[in-house]
Amino acid sequence: MEQGNIVRSTILVIDDDASIRDAIAEFLGGHGYEVNTAADAAAGEQAWRKAPADLLVLDVMMPGEDGLSLCRRLSPGGVPILMLSALDDVTDRIVGLEVGAWDYLTKPFEPRELLARVRALLRRHAKASSGDTAGAGVTFAGWWLDMDGRRLHDPAGRAVALSEGEHALLAAFVRRPGRILTRDVLLDLARGLDAAPYDRAIDIAVSRLRRKLAEADPATIIETVRGVGYRLVPPVRPA
């Protein structure tokens, strides 16, 4: 929405809990956003069709049609969708991301974290819409990785420093999401690792990378497949 020379991003909040819905609208409105709200999927879709927003904040569990179903229907439009859920479960996060959500936030949450994620999603969308490919990369579970520039940003938009070896290792995982990678394969793919070529080197490297990811997001990003190797859990999409 444009007011005079000021362009304000519009956000549509769809949540059946009036207290949460109103609190989000008041908080984001106080930070310069134009916020509209809806109490269920049907009203939310009607509001979206009438006046498409720049970003959707969408609750998963609602009476009638749930947020996942609505997300699946609206996501092909390319609008950033931030899912909200009271369930802090890896499977629920993955399902939300697989049906088209850009990010996932568990209730209860800090309003400042919501604001940070909204800003990060709008920046990503603006960059993609402008055709700026200088920072082209991939996203997974709200994270953004520049495959060429060795840059990583967490779901709140904060930069996370990676060594050459850590970037090479993470890049090996995101190029093969959902696939089990053995230690030998990882040693071959992650050539930036400054370590001797033995299994324990990969275990140590994965452990260090996991710690960096966990400092910003407790969700399981890289899981151990006992006796075989490792696997990247969330789906990966072009940024």
Protein backbone atom coordinates (compact mmCIF):
# COMPACT_ATOMS: atom_id res chain seq x y z
CA MET A 1 0.00 0.00 0.00
CA GLU A 2 1.28 3.51 -0.86
CA GLN A 3 0.55 6.55 1.27
CA GLY A 4 2.05 9.71 -0.20
CA ASN A 5 5.66 8.75 -0.93
CA ILE A 6 5.69 5.95 1.65
CA VAL A 7 5.12 2.37 0.50
CA ARG A 8 3.97 0.05 3.27
CA SER A 9 4.13 -3.73 2.91
CA THR A 10 0.80 -5.43 3.53
CA ILE A 11 0.45 -8.52 5.71
CA LEU A 12 -2.57 -10.80 6.01
CA VAL A 13 -2.86 -12.63 9.35
CA ILE A 14 -5.14 -15.69 9.37
CA ASP A 15 -5.66 -17.18 12.84
CA ASP A 16 -8.79 -18.33 14.66
CA ASP A 17 -7.45 -17.11 18.03
CA ALA A 18 -8.64 -13.51 18.26
CA SER A 19 -6.15 -12.56 20.98
CA ILE A 20 -3.17 -13.78 18.94
CA ARG A 21 -4.56 -12.34 15.72
CA ASP A 22 -5.11 -8.90 17.24
CA ALA A 23 -1.76 -8.91 19.06
CA ILE A 24 0.12 -9.70 15.85
CA ALA A 25 -1.79 -7.04 13.94
CA GLU A 26 -1.10 -4.40 16.59
CA PHE A 27 2.59 -5.29 16.90
CA LEU A 28 3.32 -5.43 13.17
CA GLY A 29 1.16 -2.37 12.55
CA GLY A 30 3.25 -0.50 15.09
CA HIS A 31 6.34 -1.32 13.02
CA GLY A 32 5.04 0.22 9.83
CA TYR A 33 3.12 -2.61 8.17
CA GLU A 34 -0.42 -2.51 6.84
CA VAL A 35 -2.09 -5.51 8.49
CA ASN A 36 -5.39 -7.19 7.64
CA THR A 37 -6.81 -10.14 9.56
CA ALA A 38 -9.14 -13.10 9.08
CA ALA A 39 -10.49 -15.67 11.55
CA ASP A 40 -10.51 -18.77 9.34
CA ALA A 41 -9.33 -20.18 6.02
CA ALA A 42 -12.47 -19.21 4.09
CA ALA A 43 -12.38 -15.58 5.25
CA GLY A 44 -8.63 -15.48 4.74
CA GLU A 45 -8.84 -16.71 1.15
CA GLN A 46 -11.63 -14.23 0.43
CA ALA A 47 -9.50 -11.38 1.81
CA TRP A 48 -6.50 -12.59 -0.20
CA ARG A 49 -8.47 -12.79 -3.46
CA LYS A 50 -9.87 -9.32 -2.88
CA ALA A 51 -6.55 -7.65 -2.03
CA PRO A 52 -3.40 -9.84 -2.25
CA ALA A 53 -0.92 -9.11 0.53
CA ASP A 54 2.88 -9.07 0.39
CA LEU A 55 3.07 -11.78 3.06
CA LEU A 56 0.74 -14.24 4.80
CA VAL A 57 0.96 -15.20 8.46
CA LEU A 58 -1.06 -18.40 8.59
CA ASP A 59 -2.04 -20.57 11.57
CA VAL A 60 -1.88 -24.33 11.03
CA MET A 61 -4.66 -25.51 13.35
CA MET A 62 -8.00 -23.83 12.64
CA PRO A 63 -11.59 -25.10 12.68
CA GLY A 64 -12.86 -26.15 9.28
CA GLU A 65 -10.12 -26.05 6.66
CA ASP A 66 -6.68 -26.05 8.26
CA GLY A 67 -3.78 -23.79 7.40
CA LEU A 68 -1.81 -26.49 5.58
CA SER A 69 -4.60 -26.98 3.05
CA LEU A 70 -4.92 -23.24 2.47
CA CYS A 71 -1.14 -22.89 2.19
CA ARG A 72 -1.04 -25.57 -0.48
CA ARG A 73 -3.65 -23.67 -2.51
CA LEU A 74 -2.15 -20.19 -2.16
CA SER A 75 1.58 -20.95 -2.29
CA PRO A 76 1.83 -21.25 -6.10
CA GLY A 77 1.18 -17.49 -6.22
CA GLY A 78 4.71 -16.91 -4.95
CA VAL A 79 3.73 -14.94 -1.85
CA PRO A 80 5.86 -15.59 1.26
CA ILE A 81 3.91 -17.65 3.81
CA LEU A 82 4.92 -17.83 7.48
CA MET A 83 3.18 -20.74 9.23
CA LEU A 84 2.31 -20.61 12.94
CA SER A 85 1.69 -23.69 15.05
CA ALA A 86 1.37 -24.69 18.69
CA LEU A 87 2.95 -28.04 17.79
CA ASP A 88 6.74 -28.06 18.06
CA ASP A 89 7.36 -31.19 16.04
CA VAL A 90 9.87 -31.72 13.22
CA THR A 91 7.32 -33.62 11.14
CA ASP A 92 4.82 -30.74 11.34
CA ARG A 93 7.52 -28.28 10.27
CA ILE A 94 8.50 -30.42 7.31
CA VAL A 95 4.90 -30.85 6.17
CA GLY A 96 4.35 -27.09 6.35
CA LEU A 97 7.46 -26.39 4.29
CA GLU A 98 6.60 -29.12 1.79
CA VAL A 99 3.18 -27.63 1.02
CA GLY A 100 4.71 -24.25 0.23
CA ALA A 101 5.42 -22.33 3.43
CA TRP A 102 8.58 -20.21 3.39
CA ASP A 103 9.12 -20.37 7.15
CA TYR A 104 7.62 -21.88 10.31
CA LEU A 105 7.29 -20.39 13.79
CA THR A 106 6.17 -22.27 16.91
CA LYS A 107 3.74 -20.75 19.43
CA PRO A 108 4.30 -19.15 21.83
CA PHE A 109 6.87 -16.88 20.22
CA GLU A 110 8.65 -13.61 20.94
CA PRO A 111 7.06 -10.76 18.96
CA ARG A 112 10.57 -9.59 18.06
CA GLU A 113 11.32 -12.97 16.48
CA LEU A 114 8.11 -12.75 14.45
CA LEU A 115 9.15 -9.28 13.28
CA ALA A 116 12.65 -10.49 12.34
CA ARG A 117 11.27 -13.38 10.31
CA VAL A 118 8.71 -11.15 8.57
CA ARG A 119 11.46 -8.73 7.60
CA ALA A 120 13.72 -11.54 6.38
CA LEU A 121 10.95 -13.06 4.24
CA LEU A 122 10.02 -9.73 2.69
CA ARG A 123 13.70 -9.04 1.88
CA ARG A 124 14.02 -12.43 0.20
CA HIS A 125 10.83 -11.91 -1.78
CA ALA A 126 11.88 -8.43 -2.88
CA LYS A 127 15.27 -9.71 -4.05
CA ALA A 128 13.68 -12.56 -5.99
CA SER A 129 11.09 -10.24 -7.55
CA SER A 130 13.71 -7.71 -8.64
CA GLY A 131 15.66 -10.35 -10.51
CA ASP A 132 18.74 -9.72 -8.38
CA THR A 133 20.70 -12.96 -8.61
CA ALA A 134 23.86 -11.73 -6.90
CA GLY A 135 22.81 -13.52 -3.74
CA ALA A 136 21.09 -16.46 -5.45
CA GLY A 137 20.96 -19.55 -3.32
CA VAL A 138 18.63 -22.00 -1.66
CA THR A 139 16.33 -22.05 1.35
CA PHE A 140 15.58 -24.85 3.79
CA ALA A 141 13.46 -24.64 6.97
CA GLY A 142 13.69 -20.84 6.87
CA TRP A 143 17.48 -20.80 6.38
CA TRP A 144 19.08 -19.15 3.33
CA LEU A 145 22.38 -20.37 1.87
CA ASP A 146 24.37 -18.63 -0.84
CA MET A 147 25.85 -21.57 -2.70
CA ASP A 148 28.65 -19.52 -4.28
CA GLY A 149 29.39 -16.75 -1.79
CA ARG A 150 29.74 -18.82 1.41
CA ARG A 151 26.98 -16.89 3.17
CA LEU A 152 24.35 -18.37 5.47
CA HIS A 153 21.42 -16.60 7.17
CA ASP A 154 19.29 -18.16 9.89
CA PRO A 155 15.44 -18.03 9.92
CA ALA A 156 15.56 -14.65 11.68
CA GLY A 157 17.74 -13.19 8.92
CA ARG A 158 20.97 -13.15 10.95
CA ALA A 159 24.27 -14.00 9.27
CA VAL A 160 25.99 -17.19 10.45
CA ALA A 161 29.72 -17.46 9.79
CA LEU A 162 30.88 -20.64 8.06
CA SER A 163 34.37 -21.88 7.44
CA GLU A 164 35.25 -23.12 3.96
CA GLY A 165 34.86 -26.71 5.10
CA GLU A 166 31.52 -26.09 6.84
CA HIS A 167 30.13 -24.38 3.74
CA ALA A 168 31.31 -27.24 1.53
CA LEU A 169 29.68 -29.77 3.86
CA LEU A 170 26.37 -27.91 4.09
CA ALA A 171 26.33 -27.40 0.31
CA ALA A 172 26.78 -31.15 -0.15
CA PHE A 173 23.69 -31.77 1.98
CA VAL A 174 21.41 -29.14 0.39
CA ARG A 175 22.23 -30.39 -3.11
CA ARG A 176 20.90 -33.81 -2.06
CA PRO A 177 18.00 -33.19 0.39
CA GLY A 178 16.41 -36.27 1.88
CA ARG A 179 19.16 -38.58 0.63
CA ILE A 180 21.37 -40.56 2.99
CA LEU A 181 24.99 -39.59 2.45
CA THR A 182 27.66 -41.97 3.70
CA ARG A 183 30.84 -40.71 5.31
CA ASP A 184 32.86 -41.69 2.23
CA VAL A 185 30.52 -39.74 -0.05
CA LEU A 186 30.67 -36.70 2.23
CA LEU A 187 34.46 -36.83 2.32
CA ASP A 188 34.48 -36.83 -1.46
CA LEU A 189 31.87 -34.06 -1.87
CA ALA A 190 33.04 -31.70 0.90
CA ARG A 191 36.53 -31.13 -0.43
CA GLY A 192 36.88 -27.94 1.60
CA LEU A 193 37.26 -29.92 4.82
CA ASP A 194 40.63 -29.32 6.43
CA ALA A 195 40.87 -32.79 7.87
CA ALA A 196 42.47 -36.13 7.24
CA PRO A 197 40.40 -38.54 5.10
CA TYR A 198 38.92 -40.77 7.77
CA ASP A 199 35.38 -41.38 9.03
CA ARG A 200 35.84 -39.61 12.34
CA ALA A 201 36.73 -36.37 10.53
CA ILE A 202 33.26 -36.25 8.97
CA ASP A 203 31.58 -37.00 12.31
CA ILE A 204 33.45 -34.11 13.92
CA ALA A 205 32.69 -31.77 11.01
CA VAL A 206 28.96 -32.62 11.03
CA SER A 207 28.87 -32.13 14.81
CA ARG A 208 30.39 -28.66 14.51
CA LEU A 209 27.99 -27.68 11.72
CA ARG A 210 25.02 -28.93 13.74
CA ARG A 211 26.07 -26.85 16.74
CA LYS A 212 26.15 -23.70 14.61
CA LEU A 213 22.70 -24.43 13.21
CA ALA A 214 21.28 -25.29 16.65
CA GLU A 215 22.44 -21.97 18.12
CA ALA A 216 19.80 -20.25 15.98
CA ASP A 217 17.22 -23.01 15.46
CA PRO A 218 16.69 -26.10 17.67
CA ALA A 219 14.95 -28.02 14.88
CA THR A 220 16.74 -31.07 13.51
CA ILE A 221 18.29 -30.05 10.19
CA ILE A 222 20.81 -32.87 9.75
CA GLU A 223 19.90 -36.27 11.17
CA THR A 224 22.09 -39.29 11.83
CA VAL A 225 21.18 -42.51 10.06
CA ARG A 226 22.78 -44.97 12.43
CA GLY A 227 25.47 -47.12 10.88
CA VAL A 228 25.11 -45.48 7.46
CA GLY A 229 25.69 -41.72 7.44
CA TYR A 230 23.71 -38.47 7.54
CA ARG A 231 20.69 -36.89 5.85
CA LEU A 232 19.35 -33.34 5.45
CA VAL A 233 15.79 -33.42 6.83
CA PRO A 234 13.92 -30.36 5.44
CA PRO A 235 13.11 -29.88 1.75
CA VAL A 236 15.24 -27.42 -0.23
CA ARG A 237 13.95 -24.73 -2.60
CA PRO A 238 15.60 -22.12 -4.83
CA ALA A 239 15.74 -18.78 -3.04
